[in-house]
Amino acid sequence: MKKIEAIIRPEKLTDTLKGLKNIGITGFTVSQAVGRGKQKETQGVYRGKNYKVTLRPKIKLEIVLSDYMVKQTIETIVASAQTGEDGDGKIYVYPILEAYNIKTGEADLSIDDLANPEG
């Protein structure tokens, strides 16, 4: 199993979720985040006073899935969230060694585990 963590623009969340639904991804976690990569600082105005905007609002999308779905999921996120400008975000992929269902206390099995029970 793998965990995909995608940092995307907030305005691209709806398109990204639609794309994920189209490929059968229905389980995920969405959180608000702030951060900055290559985007430059900008000036903001609040109540007539100028201030520097160094951190931008972002969305963090977390998905745990079977290994065979990783490539298609990444391609879908890129196609849905990409604008071609600085600040589009990043995608990280992590290995997941184990997962447990809190309700039952049992280990969750991925499709990969079901296809290859000996691991």
PDB file of N, CA and C in Angstrom:
ATOM      1  N   MET A   1       0.850  -1.183   0.000  1.00  0.00           N
ATOM      2  CA  MET A   1       0.000   0.000   0.000  1.00  0.00           C
ATOM      3  C   MET A   1       0.889   1.238   0.000  1.00  0.00           C
ATOM      4  N   LYS A   2       0.345   2.307  -0.502  1.00  0.00           N
ATOM      5  CA  LYS A   2       1.055   3.586  -0.552  1.00  0.00           C
ATOM      6  C   LYS A   2       0.140   4.691  -0.041  1.00  0.00           C
ATOM      7  N   LYS A   3       0.760   5.760   0.429  1.00  0.00           N
ATOM      8  CA  LYS A   3       0.027   6.972   0.799  1.00  0.00           C
ATOM      9  C   LYS A   3       0.470   8.061  -0.160  1.00  0.00           C
ATOM     10  N   ILE A   4      -0.499   8.695  -0.794  1.00  0.00           N
ATOM     11  CA  ILE A   4      -0.229   9.848  -1.641  1.00  0.00           C
ATOM     12  C   ILE A   4      -0.652  11.084  -0.874  1.00  0.00           C
ATOM     13  N   GLU A   5       0.259  12.021  -0.782  1.00  0.00           N
ATOM     14  CA  GLU A   5      -0.027  13.308  -0.148  1.00  0.00           C
ATOM     15  C   GLU A   5       0.161  14.369  -1.227  1.00  0.00           C
ATOM     16  N   ALA A   6      -0.917  15.075  -1.538  1.00  0.00           N
ATOM     17  CA  ALA A   6      -0.868  16.089  -2.590  1.00  0.00           C
ATOM     18  C   ALA A   6      -1.198  17.443  -1.988  1.00  0.00           C
ATOM     19  N   ILE A   7      -0.355  18.425  -2.267  1.00  0.00           N
ATOM     20  CA  ILE A   7      -0.595  19.804  -1.864  1.00  0.00           C
ATOM     21  C   ILE A   7      -1.036  20.535  -3.128  1.00  0.00           C
ATOM     22  N   ILE A   8      -2.269  21.058  -3.120  1.00  0.00           N
ATOM     23  CA  ILE A   8      -2.824  21.678  -4.322  1.00  0.00           C
ATOM     24  C   ILE A   8      -3.430  23.045  -4.010  1.00  0.00           C
ATOM     25  N   ARG A   9      -3.740  23.780  -5.053  1.00  0.00           N
ATOM     26  CA  ARG A   9      -4.429  25.067  -4.898  1.00  0.00           C
ATOM     27  C   ARG A   9      -5.871  24.810  -4.435  1.00  0.00           C
ATOM     28  N   PRO A  10      -6.382  25.643  -3.523  1.00  0.00           N
ATOM     29  CA  PRO A  10      -7.757  25.452  -3.049  1.00  0.00           C
ATOM     30  C   PRO A  10      -8.791  25.472  -4.168  1.00  0.00           C
ATOM     31  N   GLU A  11      -8.587  26.318  -5.166  1.00  0.00           N
ATOM     32  CA  GLU A  11      -9.571  26.420  -6.249  1.00  0.00           C
ATOM     33  C   GLU A  11      -9.578  25.191  -7.161  1.00  0.00           C
ATOM     34  N   LYS A  12      -8.618  24.298  -7.003  1.00  0.00           N
ATOM     35  CA  LYS A  12      -8.543  23.086  -7.820  1.00  0.00           C
ATOM     36  C   LYS A  12      -9.081  21.858  -7.090  1.00  0.00           C
ATOM     37  N   LEU A  13      -9.557  22.032  -5.854  1.00  0.00           N
ATOM     38  CA  LEU A  13     -10.026  20.887  -5.079  1.00  0.00           C
ATOM     39  C   LEU A  13     -11.212  20.194  -5.744  1.00  0.00           C
ATOM     40  N   THR A  14     -12.219  20.926  -6.150  1.00  0.00           N
ATOM     41  CA  THR A  14     -13.421  20.321  -6.744  1.00  0.00           C
ATOM     42  C   THR A  14     -13.075  19.519  -7.994  1.00  0.00           C
ATOM     43  N   ASP A  15     -12.272  20.099  -8.880  1.00  0.00           N
ATOM     44  CA  ASP A  15     -11.867  19.385 -10.102  1.00  0.00           C
ATOM     45  C   ASP A  15     -11.079  18.114  -9.764  1.00  0.00           C
ATOM     46  N   THR A  16     -10.201  18.216  -8.763  1.00  0.00           N
ATOM     47  CA  THR A  16      -9.373  17.074  -8.378  1.00  0.00           C
ATOM     48  C   THR A  16     -10.236  15.957  -7.798  1.00  0.00           C
ATOM     49  N   LEU A  17     -11.184  16.299  -6.937  1.00  0.00           N
ATOM     50  CA  LEU A  17     -12.056  15.280  -6.356  1.00  0.00           C
ATOM     51  C   LEU A  17     -12.930  14.617  -7.414  1.00  0.00           C
ATOM     52  N   LYS A  18     -13.386  15.390  -8.398  1.00  0.00           N
ATOM     53  CA  LYS A  18     -14.163  14.808  -9.502  1.00  0.00           C
ATOM     54  C   LYS A  18     -13.309  13.809 -10.281  1.00  0.00           C
ATOM     55  N   GLY A  19     -12.059  14.195 -10.562  1.00  0.00           N
ATOM     56  CA  GLY A  19     -11.147  13.299 -11.276  1.00  0.00           C
ATOM     57  C   GLY A  19     -10.889  12.019 -10.501  1.00  0.00           C
ATOM     58  N   LEU A  20     -10.690  12.135  -9.182  1.00  0.00           N
ATOM     59  CA  LEU A  20     -10.452  10.952  -8.361  1.00  0.00           C
ATOM     60  C   LEU A  20     -11.680  10.048  -8.324  1.00  0.00           C
ATOM     61  N   LYS A  21     -12.847  10.630  -8.235  1.00  0.00           N
ATOM     62  CA  LYS A  21     -14.089   9.843  -8.235  1.00  0.00           C
ATOM     63  C   LYS A  21     -14.227   9.072  -9.546  1.00  0.00           C
ATOM     64  N   ASN A  22     -13.840   9.706 -10.652  1.00  0.00           N
ATOM     65  CA  ASN A  22     -13.935   9.061 -11.963  1.00  0.00           C
ATOM     66  C   ASN A  22     -13.059   7.820 -12.091  1.00  0.00           C
ATOM     67  N   ILE A  23     -11.976   7.751 -11.306  1.00  0.00           N
ATOM     68  CA  ILE A  23     -11.114   6.558 -11.368  1.00  0.00           C
ATOM     69  C   ILE A  23     -11.372   5.610 -10.195  1.00  0.00           C
ATOM     70  N   GLY A  24     -12.410   5.904  -9.408  1.00  0.00           N
ATOM     71  CA  GLY A  24     -12.801   4.989  -8.340  1.00  0.00           C
ATOM     72  C   GLY A  24     -12.204   5.260  -6.983  1.00  0.00           C
ATOM     73  N   ILE A  25     -11.550   6.402  -6.814  1.00  0.00           N
ATOM     74  CA  ILE A  25     -10.993   6.752  -5.507  1.00  0.00           C
ATOM     75  C   ILE A  25     -12.084   7.470  -4.714  1.00  0.00           C
ATOM     76  N   THR A  26     -12.535   6.850  -3.626  1.00  0.00           N
ATOM     77  CA  THR A  26     -13.609   7.446  -2.836  1.00  0.00           C
ATOM     78  C   THR A  26     -13.180   7.758  -1.399  1.00  0.00           C
ATOM     79  N   GLY A  27     -12.055   7.224  -0.963  1.00  0.00           N
ATOM     80  CA  GLY A  27     -11.586   7.468   0.395  1.00  0.00           C
ATOM     81  C   GLY A  27     -10.384   8.386   0.401  1.00  0.00           C
ATOM     82  N   PHE A  28     -10.476   9.471   1.164  1.00  0.00           N
ATOM     83  CA  PHE A  28      -9.366  10.421   1.234  1.00  0.00           C
ATOM     84  C   PHE A  28      -9.593  11.350   2.422  1.00  0.00           C
ATOM     85  N   THR A  29      -8.568  12.085   2.776  1.00  0.00           N
ATOM     86  CA  THR A  29      -8.649  13.111   3.808  1.00  0.00           C
ATOM     87  C   THR A  29      -8.252  14.431   3.182  1.00  0.00           C
ATOM     88  N   VAL A  30      -9.003  15.479   3.477  1.00  0.00           N
ATOM     89  CA  VAL A  30      -8.720  16.815   2.961  1.00  0.00           C
ATOM     90  C   VAL A  30      -8.516  17.745   4.152  1.00  0.00           C
ATOM     91  N   SER A  31      -7.429  18.505   4.152  1.00  0.00           N
ATOM     92  CA  SER A  31      -7.185  19.494   5.194  1.00  0.00           C
ATOM     93  C   SER A  31      -6.695  20.792   4.590  1.00  0.00           C
ATOM     94  N   GLN A  32      -6.973  21.866   5.315  1.00  0.00           N
ATOM     95  CA  GLN A  32      -6.459  23.167   4.901  1.00  0.00           C
ATOM     96  C   GLN A  32      -5.025  23.295   5.389  1.00  0.00           C
ATOM     97  N   ALA A  33      -4.201  23.942   4.587  1.00  0.00           N
ATOM     98  CA  ALA A  33      -2.795  24.133   4.934  1.00  0.00           C
ATOM     99  C   ALA A  33      -2.358  25.503   4.416  1.00  0.00           C
ATOM    100  N   VAL A  34      -1.241  25.972   4.910  1.00  0.00           N
ATOM    101  CA  VAL A  34      -0.611  27.159   4.352  1.00  0.00           C
ATOM    102  C   VAL A  34       0.846  26.819   4.112  1.00  0.00           C
ATOM    103  N   GLY A  35       1.418  27.429   3.100  1.00  0.00           N
ATOM    104  CA  GLY A  35       2.809  27.143   2.798  1.00  0.00           C
ATOM    105  C   GLY A  35       3.291  27.946   1.617  1.00  0.00           C
ATOM    106  N   ARG A  36       4.518  27.659   1.264  1.00  0.00           N
ATOM    107  CA  ARG A  36       5.119  28.371   0.148  1.00  0.00           C
ATOM    108  C   ARG A  36       6.242  27.543  -0.429  1.00  0.00           C
ATOM    109  N   GLY A  37       6.298  27.535  -1.736  1.00  0.00           N
ATOM    110  CA  GLY A  37       7.392  26.889  -2.447  1.00  0.00           C
ATOM    111  C   GLY A  37       8.116  27.953  -3.237  1.00  0.00           C
ATOM    112  N   LYS A  38       8.013  27.886  -4.572  1.00  0.00           N
ATOM    113  CA  LYS A  38       8.692  28.844  -5.434  1.00  0.00           C
ATOM    114  C   LYS A  38       7.913  30.134  -5.640  1.00  0.00           C
ATOM    115  N   GLN A  39       6.679  30.189  -5.143  1.00  0.00           N
ATOM    116  CA  GLN A  39       5.896  31.406  -5.310  1.00  0.00           C
ATOM    117  C   GLN A  39       6.588  32.564  -4.603  1.00  0.00           C
ATOM    118  N   LYS A  40       6.525  33.714  -5.225  1.00  0.00           N
ATOM    119  CA  LYS A  40       7.150  34.894  -4.654  1.00  0.00           C
ATOM    120  C   LYS A  40       6.221  35.572  -3.658  1.00  0.00           C
ATOM    121  N   GLU A  41       6.823  36.339  -2.762  1.00  0.00           N
ATOM    122  CA  GLU A  41       6.019  37.131  -1.835  1.00  0.00           C
ATOM    123  C   GLU A  41       5.227  38.169  -2.617  1.00  0.00           C
ATOM    124  N   THR A  42       4.056  38.473  -2.128  1.00  0.00           N
ATOM    125  CA  THR A  42       3.257  39.529  -2.740  1.00  0.00           C
ATOM    126  C   THR A  42       2.837  40.509  -1.645  1.00  0.00           C
ATOM    127  N   GLN A  43       2.277  41.608  -2.062  1.00  0.00           N
ATOM    128  CA  GLN A  43       1.786  42.606  -1.123  1.00  0.00           C
ATOM    129  C   GLN A  43       0.279  42.458  -0.980  1.00  0.00           C
ATOM    130  N   GLY A  44      -0.196  42.547   0.248  1.00  0.00           N
ATOM    131  CA  GLY A  44      -1.622  42.554   0.509  1.00  0.00           C
ATOM    132  C   GLY A  44      -1.989  43.856   1.200  1.00  0.00           C
ATOM    133  N   VAL A  45      -3.261  44.169   1.193  1.00  0.00           N
ATOM    134  CA  VAL A  45      -3.743  45.370   1.878  1.00  0.00           C
ATOM    135  C   VAL A  45      -4.874  44.947   2.799  1.00  0.00           C
ATOM    136  N   TYR A  46      -4.757  45.319   4.063  1.00  0.00           N
ATOM    137  CA  TYR A  46      -5.801  45.050   5.035  1.00  0.00           C
ATOM    138  C   TYR A  46      -6.072  46.320   5.819  1.00  0.00           C
ATOM    139  N   ARG A  47      -7.288  46.803   5.704  1.00  0.00           N
ATOM    140  CA  ARG A  47      -7.700  48.047   6.372  1.00  0.00           C
ATOM    141  C   ARG A  47      -6.751  49.200   6.061  1.00  0.00           C
ATOM    142  N   GLY A  48      -6.375  49.265   4.794  1.00  0.00           N
ATOM    143  CA  GLY A  48      -5.543  50.370   4.338  1.00  0.00           C
ATOM    144  C   GLY A  48      -4.055  50.224   4.609  1.00  0.00           C
ATOM    145  N   LYS A  49      -3.627  49.137   5.219  1.00  0.00           N
ATOM    146  CA  LYS A  49      -2.200  48.933   5.517  1.00  0.00           C
ATOM    147  C   LYS A  49      -1.651  47.810   4.642  1.00  0.00           C
ATOM    148  N   ASN A  50      -0.447  48.036   4.121  1.00  0.00           N
ATOM    149  CA  ASN A  50       0.224  47.028   3.308  1.00  0.00           C
ATOM    150  C   ASN A  50       0.898  45.989   4.201  1.00  0.00           C
ATOM    151  N   TYR A  51       0.901  44.751   3.732  1.00  0.00           N
ATOM    152  CA  TYR A  51       1.624  43.694   4.428  1.00  0.00           C
ATOM    153  C   TYR A  51       2.108  42.672   3.397  1.00  0.00           C
ATOM    154  N   LYS A  52       3.153  41.914   3.780  1.00  0.00           N
ATOM    155  CA  LYS A  52       3.705  40.895   2.893  1.00  0.00           C
ATOM    156  C   LYS A  52       2.920  39.596   3.051  1.00  0.00           C
ATOM    157  N   VAL A  53       2.613  38.984   1.918  1.00  0.00           N
ATOM    158  CA  VAL A  53       1.981  37.676   1.918  1.00  0.00           C
ATOM    159  C   VAL A  53       3.074  36.669   1.587  1.00  0.00           C
ATOM    160  N   THR A  54       3.518  35.913   2.591  1.00  0.00           N
ATOM    161  CA  THR A  54       4.580  34.938   2.366  1.00  0.00           C
ATOM    162  C   THR A  54       4.040  33.510   2.344  1.00  0.00           C
ATOM    163  N   LEU A  55       2.957  33.254   3.058  1.00  0.00           N
ATOM    164  CA  LEU A  55       2.359  31.926   3.086  1.00  0.00           C
ATOM    165  C   LEU A  55       1.036  31.960   2.328  1.00  0.00           C
ATOM    166  N   ARG A  56       0.827  30.984   1.501  1.00  0.00           N
ATOM    167  CA  ARG A  56      -0.372  30.920   0.664  1.00  0.00           C
ATOM    168  C   ARG A  56      -1.297  29.814   1.171  1.00  0.00           C
ATOM    169  N   PRO A  57      -2.602  30.009   1.050  1.00  0.00           N
ATOM    170  CA  PRO A  57      -3.518  28.915   1.417  1.00  0.00           C
ATOM    171  C   PRO A  57      -3.388  27.771   0.421  1.00  0.00           C
ATOM    172  N   LYS A  58      -3.380  26.569   0.939  1.00  0.00           N
ATOM    173  CA  LYS A  58      -3.276  25.354   0.136  1.00  0.00           C
ATOM    174  C   LYS A  58      -4.234  24.313   0.690  1.00  0.00           C
ATOM    175  N   ILE A  59      -4.422  23.256  -0.055  1.00  0.00           N
ATOM    176  CA  ILE A  59      -5.200  22.106   0.384  1.00  0.00           C
ATOM    177  C   ILE A  59      -4.266  20.900   0.392  1.00  0.00           C
ATOM    178  N   LYS A  60      -4.325  20.139   1.479  1.00  0.00           N
ATOM    179  CA  LYS A  60      -3.556  18.887   1.549  1.00  0.00           C
ATOM    180  C   LYS A  60      -4.538  17.731   1.418  1.00  0.00           C
ATOM    181  N   LEU A  61      -4.295  16.906   0.423  1.00  0.00           N
ATOM    182  CA  LEU A  61      -5.136  15.760   0.116  1.00  0.00           C
ATOM    183  C   LEU A  61      -4.319  14.505   0.413  1.00  0.00           C
ATOM    184  N   GLU A  62      -4.858  13.614   1.253  1.00  0.00           N
ATOM    185  CA  GLU A  62      -4.156  12.388   1.619  1.00  0.00           C
ATOM    186  C   GLU A  62      -5.000  11.183   1.197  1.00  0.00           C
ATOM    187  N   ILE A  63      -4.352  10.246   0.506  1.00  0.00           N
ATOM    188  CA  ILE A  63      -5.039   9.066  -0.008  1.00  0.00           C
ATOM    189  C   ILE A  63      -4.154   7.849   0.252  1.00  0.00           C
ATOM    190  N   VAL A  64      -4.723   6.808   0.849  1.00  0.00           N
ATOM    191  CA  VAL A  64      -4.009   5.543   1.014  1.00  0.00           C
ATOM    192  C   VAL A  64      -4.670   4.551   0.072  1.00  0.00           C
ATOM    193  N   LEU A  65      -3.836   3.905  -0.762  1.00  0.00           N
ATOM    194  CA  LEU A  65      -4.384   3.008  -1.777  1.00  0.00           C
ATOM    195  C   LEU A  65      -3.408   1.899  -2.120  1.00  0.00           C
ATOM    196  N   SER A  66      -3.893   0.980  -2.922  1.00  0.00           N
ATOM    197  CA  SER A  66      -3.071  -0.141  -3.371  1.00  0.00           C
ATOM    198  C   SER A  66      -2.019   0.342  -4.365  1.00  0.00           C
ATOM    199  N   ASP A  67      -0.902  -0.353  -4.379  1.00  0.00           N
ATOM    200  CA  ASP A  67       0.219   0.035  -5.230  1.00  0.00           C
ATOM    201  C   ASP A  67      -0.177   0.190  -6.701  1.00  0.00           C
ATOM    202  N   TYR A  68      -1.029  -0.686  -7.194  1.00  0.00           N
ATOM    203  CA  TYR A  68      -1.358  -0.642  -8.617  1.00  0.00           C
ATOM    204  C   TYR A  68      -2.137   0.609  -9.018  1.00  0.00           C
ATOM    205  N   MET A  69      -2.716   1.342  -8.052  1.00  0.00           N
ATOM    206  CA  MET A  69      -3.493   2.554  -8.343  1.00  0.00           C
ATOM    207  C   MET A  69      -2.658   3.832  -8.279  1.00  0.00           C
ATOM    208  N   VAL A  70      -1.407   3.752  -7.836  1.00  0.00           N
ATOM    209  CA  VAL A  70      -0.601   4.949  -7.589  1.00  0.00           C
ATOM    210  C   VAL A  70      -0.383   5.775  -8.859  1.00  0.00           C
ATOM    211  N   LYS A  71       0.087   5.149  -9.917  1.00  0.00           N
ATOM    212  CA  LYS A  71       0.409   5.898 -11.141  1.00  0.00           C
ATOM    213  C   LYS A  71      -0.827   6.604 -11.705  1.00  0.00           C
ATOM    214  N   GLN A  72      -1.941   5.893 -11.801  1.00  0.00           N
ATOM    215  CA  GLN A  72      -3.167   6.479 -12.342  1.00  0.00           C
ATOM    216  C   GLN A  72      -3.671   7.615 -11.452  1.00  0.00           C
ATOM    217  N   THR A  73      -3.530   7.460 -10.146  1.00  0.00           N
ATOM    218  CA  THR A  73      -3.973   8.497  -9.211  1.00  0.00           C
ATOM    219  C   THR A  73      -3.117   9.746  -9.352  1.00  0.00           C
ATOM    220  N   ILE A  74      -1.815   9.587  -9.458  1.00  0.00           N
ATOM    221  CA  ILE A  74      -0.920  10.731  -9.641  1.00  0.00           C
ATOM    222  C   ILE A  74      -1.236  11.442 -10.950  1.00  0.00           C
ATOM    223  N   GLU A  75      -1.411  10.689 -12.020  1.00  0.00           N
ATOM    224  CA  GLU A  75      -1.748  11.287 -13.318  1.00  0.00           C
ATOM    225  C   GLU A  75      -3.066  12.075 -13.237  1.00  0.00           C
ATOM    226  N   THR A  76      -4.024  11.550 -12.511  1.00  0.00           N
ATOM    227  CA  THR A  76      -5.320  12.220 -12.361  1.00  0.00           C
ATOM    228  C   THR A  76      -5.183  13.509 -11.571  1.00  0.00           C
ATOM    229  N   ILE A  77      -4.409  13.480 -10.484  1.00  0.00           N
ATOM    230  CA  ILE A  77      -4.211  14.689  -9.678  1.00  0.00           C
ATOM    231  C   ILE A  77      -3.514  15.762 -10.503  1.00  0.00           C
ATOM    232  N   VAL A  78      -2.469  15.381 -11.218  1.00  0.00           N
ATOM    233  CA  VAL A  78      -1.739  16.350 -12.039  1.00  0.00           C
ATOM    234  C   VAL A  78      -2.663  16.949 -13.102  1.00  0.00           C
ATOM    235  N   ALA A  79      -3.418  16.115 -13.792  1.00  0.00           N
ATOM    236  CA  ALA A  79      -4.306  16.604 -14.848  1.00  0.00           C
ATOM    237  C   ALA A  79      -5.398  17.515 -14.288  1.00  0.00           C
ATOM    238  N   SER A  80      -5.862  17.246 -13.083  1.00  0.00           N
ATOM    239  CA  SER A  80      -6.956  18.020 -12.493  1.00  0.00           C
ATOM    240  C   SER A  80      -6.492  19.297 -11.808  1.00  0.00           C
ATOM    241  N   ALA A  81      -5.290  19.291 -11.241  1.00  0.00           N
ATOM    242  CA  ALA A  81      -4.845  20.402 -10.398  1.00  0.00           C
ATOM    243  C   ALA A  81      -3.847  21.346 -11.070  1.00  0.00           C
ATOM    244  N   GLN A  82      -3.342  20.977 -12.218  1.00  0.00           N
ATOM    245  CA  GLN A  82      -2.277  21.739 -12.867  1.00  0.00           C
ATOM    246  C   GLN A  82      -2.798  23.003 -13.554  1.00  0.00           C
ATOM    247  N   THR A  83      -2.103  24.140 -13.298  1.00  0.00           N
ATOM    248  CA  THR A  83      -2.381  25.372 -14.032  1.00  0.00           C
ATOM    249  C   THR A  83      -1.186  25.760 -14.889  1.00  0.00           C
ATOM    250  N   GLY A  84      -0.016  25.176 -14.579  1.00  0.00           N
ATOM    251  CA  GLY A  84       1.195  25.511 -15.317  1.00  0.00           C
ATOM    252  C   GLY A  84       1.964  26.673 -14.716  1.00  0.00           C
ATOM    253  N   GLU A  85       1.520  27.157 -13.566  1.00  0.00           N
ATOM    254  CA  GLU A  85       2.188  28.287 -12.912  1.00  0.00           C
ATOM    255  C   GLU A  85       2.798  27.853 -11.590  1.00  0.00           C
ATOM    256  N   ASP A  86       3.761  28.664 -11.081  1.00  0.00           N
ATOM    257  CA  ASP A  86       4.309  28.408  -9.759  1.00  0.00           C
ATOM    258  C   ASP A  86       3.166  28.350  -8.755  1.00  0.00           C
ATOM    259  N   GLY A  87       3.294  27.437  -7.788  1.00  0.00           N
ATOM    260  CA  GLY A  87       2.273  27.328  -6.760  1.00  0.00           C
ATOM    261  C   GLY A  87       1.241  26.249  -7.023  1.00  0.00           C
ATOM    262  N   ASP A  88       1.422  25.451  -8.090  1.00  0.00           N
ATOM    263  CA  ASP A  88       0.473  24.370  -8.371  1.00  0.00           C
ATOM    264  C   ASP A  88       0.529  23.284  -7.304  1.00  0.00           C
ATOM    265  N   GLY A  89       1.663  23.103  -6.660  1.00  0.00           N
ATOM    266  CA  GLY A  89       1.751  22.143  -5.563  1.00  0.00           C
ATOM    267  C   GLY A  89       2.752  21.037  -5.799  1.00  0.00           C
ATOM    268  N   LYS A  90       2.671  20.025  -4.934  1.00  0.00           N
ATOM    269  CA  LYS A  90       3.574  18.868  -4.960  1.00  0.00           C
ATOM    270  C   LYS A  90       2.779  17.620  -4.645  1.00  0.00           C
ATOM    271  N   ILE A  91       3.322  16.489  -5.082  1.00  0.00           N
ATOM    272  CA  ILE A  91       2.765  15.187  -4.731  1.00  0.00           C
ATOM    273  C   ILE A  91       3.895  14.359  -4.129  1.00  0.00           C
ATOM    274  N   TYR A  92       3.605  13.771  -2.971  1.00  0.00           N
ATOM    275  CA  TYR A  92       4.569  12.902  -2.290  1.00  0.00           C
ATOM    276  C   TYR A  92       3.951  11.511  -2.187  1.00  0.00           C
ATOM    277  N   VAL A  93       4.795  10.488  -2.300  1.00  0.00           N
ATOM    278  CA  VAL A  93       4.332   9.103  -2.180  1.00  0.00           C
ATOM    279  C   VAL A  93       5.145   8.425  -1.083  1.00  0.00           C
ATOM    280  N   TYR A  94       4.430   7.810  -0.135  1.00  0.00           N
ATOM    281  CA  TYR A  94       5.058   7.134   1.003  1.00  0.00           C
ATOM    282  C   TYR A  94       4.603   5.673   1.056  1.00  0.00           C
ATOM    283  N   PRO A  95       5.485   4.782   1.507  1.00  0.00           N
ATOM    284  CA  PRO A  95       5.038   3.400   1.722  1.00  0.00           C
ATOM    285  C   PRO A  95       4.206   3.306   3.012  1.00  0.00           C
ATOM    286  N   ILE A  96       3.190   2.474   2.991  1.00  0.00           N
ATOM    287  CA  ILE A  96       2.385   2.196   4.180  1.00  0.00           C
ATOM    288  C   ILE A  96       2.624   0.731   4.535  1.00  0.00           C
ATOM    289  N   LEU A  97       3.119   0.499   5.718  1.00  0.00           N
ATOM    290  CA  LEU A  97       3.432  -0.866   6.120  1.00  0.00           C
ATOM    291  C   LEU A  97       2.216  -1.615   6.646  1.00  0.00           C
ATOM    292  N   GLU A  98       1.375  -0.922   7.415  1.00  0.00           N
ATOM    293  CA  GLU A  98       0.200  -1.555   7.986  1.00  0.00           C
ATOM    294  C   GLU A  98      -0.906  -0.519   8.134  1.00  0.00           C
ATOM    295  N   ALA A  99      -2.150  -1.008   8.142  1.00  0.00           N
ATOM    296  CA  ALA A  99      -3.299  -0.155   8.410  1.00  0.00           C
ATOM    297  C   ALA A  99      -4.313  -0.970   9.210  1.00  0.00           C
ATOM    298  N   TYR A 100      -4.976  -0.324  10.162  1.00  0.00           N
ATOM    299  CA  TYR A 100      -5.941  -1.011  11.015  1.00  0.00           C
ATOM    300  C   TYR A 100      -7.258  -0.262  11.037  1.00  0.00           C
ATOM    301  N   ASN A 101      -8.350  -1.001  11.099  1.00  0.00           N
ATOM    302  CA  ASN A 101      -9.675  -0.438  11.226  1.00  0.00           C
ATOM    303  C   ASN A 101      -9.930  -0.208  12.714  1.00  0.00           C
ATOM    304  N   ILE A 102     -10.177   1.015  13.113  1.00  0.00           N
ATOM    305  CA  ILE A 102     -10.383   1.323  14.531  1.00  0.00           C
ATOM    306  C   ILE A 102     -11.648   0.651  15.055  1.00  0.00           C
ATOM    307  N   LYS A 103     -12.702   0.616  14.264  1.00  0.00           N
ATOM    308  CA  LYS A 103     -13.971   0.018  14.689  1.00  0.00           C
ATOM    309  C   LYS A 103     -13.796  -1.443  15.094  1.00  0.00           C
ATOM    310  N   THR A 104     -13.090  -2.214  14.246  1.00  0.00           N
ATOM    311  CA  THR A 104     -12.964  -3.649  14.490  1.00  0.00           C
ATOM    312  C   THR A 104     -11.633  -4.034  15.134  1.00  0.00           C
ATOM    313  N   GLY A 105     -10.626  -3.177  15.012  1.00  0.00           N
ATOM    314  CA  GLY A 105      -9.306  -3.506  15.520  1.00  0.00           C
ATOM    315  C   GLY A 105      -8.538  -4.445  14.603  1.00  0.00           C
ATOM    316  N   GLU A 106      -9.141  -4.800  13.480  1.00  0.00           N
ATOM    317  CA  GLU A 106      -8.505  -5.733  12.557  1.00  0.00           C
ATOM    318  C   GLU A 106      -7.648  -5.002  11.533  1.00  0.00           C
ATOM    319  N   ALA A 107      -6.679  -5.724  11.009  1.00  0.00           N
ATOM    320  CA  ALA A 107      -5.830  -5.167   9.959  1.00  0.00           C
ATOM    321  C   ALA A 107      -6.656  -4.974   8.703  1.00  0.00           C
ATOM    322  N   ASP A 108      -6.494  -3.826   8.043  1.00  0.00           N
ATOM    323  CA  ASP A 108      -7.127  -3.596   6.748  1.00  0.00           C
ATOM    324  C   ASP A 108      -6.240  -4.204   5.687  1.00  0.00           C
ATOM    325  N   LEU A 109      -6.843  -4.915   4.768  1.00  0.00           N
ATOM    326  CA  LEU A 109      -6.094  -5.522   3.677  1.00  0.00           C
ATOM    327  C   LEU A 109      -6.315  -4.722   2.418  1.00  0.00           C
ATOM    328  N   SER A 110      -5.236  -4.481   1.693  1.00  0.00           N
ATOM    329  CA  SER A 110      -5.372  -3.822   0.400  1.00  0.00           C
ATOM    330  C   SER A 110      -5.692  -4.877  -0.643  1.00  0.00           C
ATOM    331  N   ILE A 111      -6.061  -4.451  -1.825  1.00  0.00           N
ATOM    332  CA  ILE A 111      -6.323  -5.386  -2.921  1.00  0.00           C
ATOM    333  C   ILE A 111      -5.051  -6.159  -3.236  1.00  0.00           C
ATOM    334  N   ASP A 112      -3.890  -5.489  -3.091  1.00  0.00           N
ATOM    335  CA  ASP A 112      -2.633  -6.178  -3.342  1.00  0.00           C
ATOM    336  C   ASP A 112      -2.471  -7.365  -2.398  1.00  0.00           C
ATOM    337  N   ASP A 113      -2.842  -7.181  -1.125  1.00  0.00           N
ATOM    338  CA  ASP A 113      -2.718  -8.253  -0.154  1.00  0.00           C
ATOM    339  C   ASP A 113      -3.650  -9.417  -0.493  1.00  0.00           C
ATOM    340  N   LEU A 114      -4.856  -9.097  -0.968  1.00  0.00           N
ATOM    341  CA  LEU A 114      -5.808 -10.144  -1.322  1.00  0.00           C
ATOM    342  C   LEU A 114      -5.332 -10.941  -2.525  1.00  0.00           C
ATOM    343  N   ALA A 115      -4.663 -10.265  -3.466  1.00  0.00           N
ATOM    344  CA  ALA A 115      -4.164 -10.940  -4.657  1.00  0.00           C
ATOM    345  C   ALA A 115      -2.932 -11.796  -4.343  1.00  0.00           C
ATOM    346  N   ASN A 116      -2.183 -11.408  -3.314  1.00  0.00           N
ATOM    347  CA  ASN A 116      -0.960 -12.116  -2.952  1.00  0.00           C
ATOM    348  C   ASN A 116      -0.949 -12.310  -1.428  1.00  0.00           C
ATOM    349  N   PRO A 117      -1.691 -13.292  -0.889  1.00  0.00           N
ATOM    350  CA  PRO A 117      -1.832 -13.430   0.552  1.00  0.00           C
ATOM    351  C   PRO A 117      -0.541 -13.742   1.283  1.00  0.00           C
ATOM    352  N   GLU A 118       0.482 -14.238   0.584  1.00  0.00           N
ATOM    353  CA  GLU A 118       1.740 -14.556   1.253  1.00  0.00           C
ATOM    354  C   GLU A 118       2.647 -13.345   1.367  1.00  0.00           C
ATOM    355  N   GLY A 119       2.214 -12.172   0.843  1.00  0.00           N
ATOM    356  CA  GLY A 119       2.920 -10.921   0.996  1.00  0.00           C
ATOM    357  C   GLY A 119       4.012 -10.703   0.045  1.00  0.00           C
TER     358      GLY A 119
END
